[in-house]
């Protein structure tokens, strides 16, 4: 993952809390995901996590307690590319407009097929 992504996460966090800072970035060996932790002013971590969830729908965002400092931090787990595709497909499948749009697309395909068959019959009559 590029450092540009981390800068964008930090910029989004600083829109919520101007004192937000990235405290840790680490790659997880088990799934090749990237873990980003952000520190904020006391009591702001939960609100920051909520704001980050809205702008990073494919990431897993939570709050964790830093046992060394005793502060609560926002944590963002960025999945690897394959998992991002899987999450995006799942979100699209369960979207509110997915079912009506799929029905409309199927109906249009059926109409197109019927028109093609009708045109083929008309051409063979001549």
Protein backbone atom coordinates (compact mmCIF):
# COMPACT_ATOMS: atom_id res chain seq x y z
CA UNK A 1 0.00 0.00 0.00
CA UNK A 2 1.27 3.42 -0.79
CA UNK A 3 2.07 6.12 1.72
CA UNK A 4 -0.45 8.29 -0.13
CA UNK A 5 -3.22 6.15 1.32
CA UNK A 6 -1.92 6.70 4.84
CA UNK A 7 -1.77 10.44 4.22
CA UNK A 8 -5.39 10.38 3.01
CA UNK A 9 -6.46 8.46 6.12
CA UNK A 10 -4.62 10.97 8.29
CA UNK A 11 -6.16 13.91 6.39
CA UNK A 12 -9.64 12.44 6.88
CA UNK A 13 -8.91 11.87 10.58
CA UNK A 14 -7.69 15.45 10.95
CA UNK A 15 -10.94 16.72 9.44
CA UNK A 16 -12.60 15.18 12.50
CA UNK A 17 -9.85 15.98 15.03
CA UNK A 18 -7.04 18.38 14.12
CA UNK A 19 -4.74 16.70 16.65
CA UNK A 20 -5.12 13.19 15.17
CA UNK A 21 -1.83 11.42 14.45
CA UNK A 22 -0.85 8.04 13.06
CA UNK A 23 0.73 6.12 15.93
CA UNK A 24 1.42 2.83 14.17
CA UNK A 25 1.41 1.24 10.72
CA UNK A 26 2.07 -2.49 10.43
CA UNK A 27 1.55 -5.23 7.87
CA UNK A 28 -0.18 -8.38 9.05
CA UNK A 29 1.57 -11.52 7.85
CA UNK A 30 -1.49 -13.75 8.13
CA UNK A 31 -3.63 -11.99 5.52
CA UNK A 32 -1.35 -9.28 4.07
CA UNK A 33 -3.62 -6.60 5.48
CA UNK A 34 -2.33 -3.31 6.85
CA UNK A 35 -3.13 -2.07 10.34
CA UNK A 36 -3.15 1.69 10.96
CA UNK A 37 -3.64 3.12 14.45
CA UNK A 38 -4.53 6.75 15.06
CA UNK A 39 -4.33 8.71 18.29
CA UNK A 40 -6.70 11.58 18.98
CA UNK A 41 -7.62 13.92 21.77
CA UNK A 42 -9.01 12.14 24.81
CA UNK A 43 -12.58 10.96 24.22
CA UNK A 44 -12.50 11.47 20.43
CA UNK A 45 -11.53 7.93 19.33
CA UNK A 46 -15.09 6.58 19.04
CA UNK A 47 -16.25 9.53 16.96
CA UNK A 48 -13.16 9.27 14.77
CA UNK A 49 -13.80 5.57 14.23
CA UNK A 50 -17.36 6.36 13.14
CA UNK A 51 -16.12 9.03 10.70
CA UNK A 52 -13.52 6.65 9.27
CA UNK A 53 -16.14 3.90 8.81
CA UNK A 54 -18.15 6.25 6.61
CA UNK A 55 -15.22 7.12 4.35
CA UNK A 56 -13.56 3.66 4.30
CA UNK A 57 -16.38 1.16 3.74
CA UNK A 58 -14.03 -1.68 2.75
CA UNK A 59 -11.88 -1.33 5.87
CA UNK A 60 -12.55 -2.71 9.32
CA UNK A 61 -12.54 0.22 11.79
CA UNK A 62 -12.61 -0.18 15.56
CA UNK A 63 -11.34 1.36 18.76
CA UNK A 64 -8.66 -0.26 20.91
CA UNK A 65 -7.03 0.59 24.20
CA UNK A 66 -3.30 1.28 24.09
CA UNK A 67 -2.11 -0.46 27.24
CA UNK A 68 1.14 1.50 27.34
CA UNK A 69 -0.44 4.93 27.32
CA UNK A 70 -3.90 4.01 28.60
CA UNK A 71 -5.51 5.94 25.75
CA UNK A 72 -8.16 4.69 23.38
CA UNK A 73 -7.11 4.76 19.72
CA UNK A 74 -8.93 4.31 16.44
CA UNK A 75 -7.71 1.32 14.47
CA UNK A 76 -8.14 0.78 10.72
CA UNK A 77 -7.52 -2.64 9.18
CA UNK A 78 -7.07 -2.31 5.42
CA UNK A 79 -7.61 -5.71 3.78
CA UNK A 80 -5.51 -6.98 0.88
CA UNK A 81 -6.69 -6.47 -2.71
CA UNK A 82 -8.49 -9.81 -3.04
CA UNK A 83 -10.41 -9.30 0.18
CA UNK A 84 -11.34 -5.75 -0.87
CA UNK A 85 -12.90 -7.13 -4.06
CA UNK A 86 -14.82 -9.72 -2.03
CA UNK A 87 -16.10 -7.08 0.42
CA UNK A 88 -17.08 -4.73 -2.43
CA UNK A 89 -19.04 -7.50 -4.16
CA UNK A 90 -20.77 -8.35 -0.90
CA UNK A 91 -21.72 -4.70 -0.32
CA UNK A 92 -23.02 -4.42 -3.90
CA UNK A 93 -25.03 -7.63 -3.59
CA UNK A 94 -26.73 -6.49 -0.42
CA UNK A 95 -27.36 -2.91 -1.56
CA UNK A 96 -30.85 -1.45 -1.31
CA UNK A 97 -31.22 -0.90 -5.08
CA UNK A 98 -29.55 -4.14 -6.14
CA UNK A 99 -32.72 -6.24 -6.46
CA UNK A 100 -34.86 -3.75 -8.47
CA UNK A 101 -31.93 -2.95 -10.76
CA UNK A 102 -31.24 -6.63 -11.40
CA UNK A 103 -34.92 -7.22 -12.22
CA UNK A 104 -34.92 -4.25 -14.59
CA UNK A 105 -31.75 -5.48 -16.32
CA UNK A 106 -33.22 -8.97 -16.74
CA UNK A 107 -36.45 -7.53 -18.11
CA UNK A 108 -34.55 -5.39 -20.62
CA UNK A 109 -32.52 -8.41 -21.73
CA UNK A 110 -35.74 -10.39 -22.27
CA UNK A 111 -37.24 -7.52 -24.30
CA UNK A 112 -34.04 -7.26 -26.37
CA UNK A 113 -34.15 -11.00 -27.05
CA UNK A 114 -37.81 -10.81 -28.10
CA UNK A 115 -37.11 -7.87 -30.44
CA UNK A 116 -34.19 -9.74 -32.03
CA UNK A 117 -36.33 -12.83 -32.61
CA UNK A 118 -39.10 -10.67 -34.08
CA UNK A 119 -36.64 -8.92 -36.42
CA UNK A 120 -35.17 -12.26 -37.51
CA UNK A 121 -38.68 -13.54 -38.35
CA UNK A 122 -39.47 -10.35 -40.28
CA UNK A 123 -36.25 -10.63 -42.29
CA UNK A 124 -36.94 -14.28 -43.25
CA UNK A 125 -40.49 -13.42 -44.41
CA UNK A 126 -39.22 -11.01 -47.04
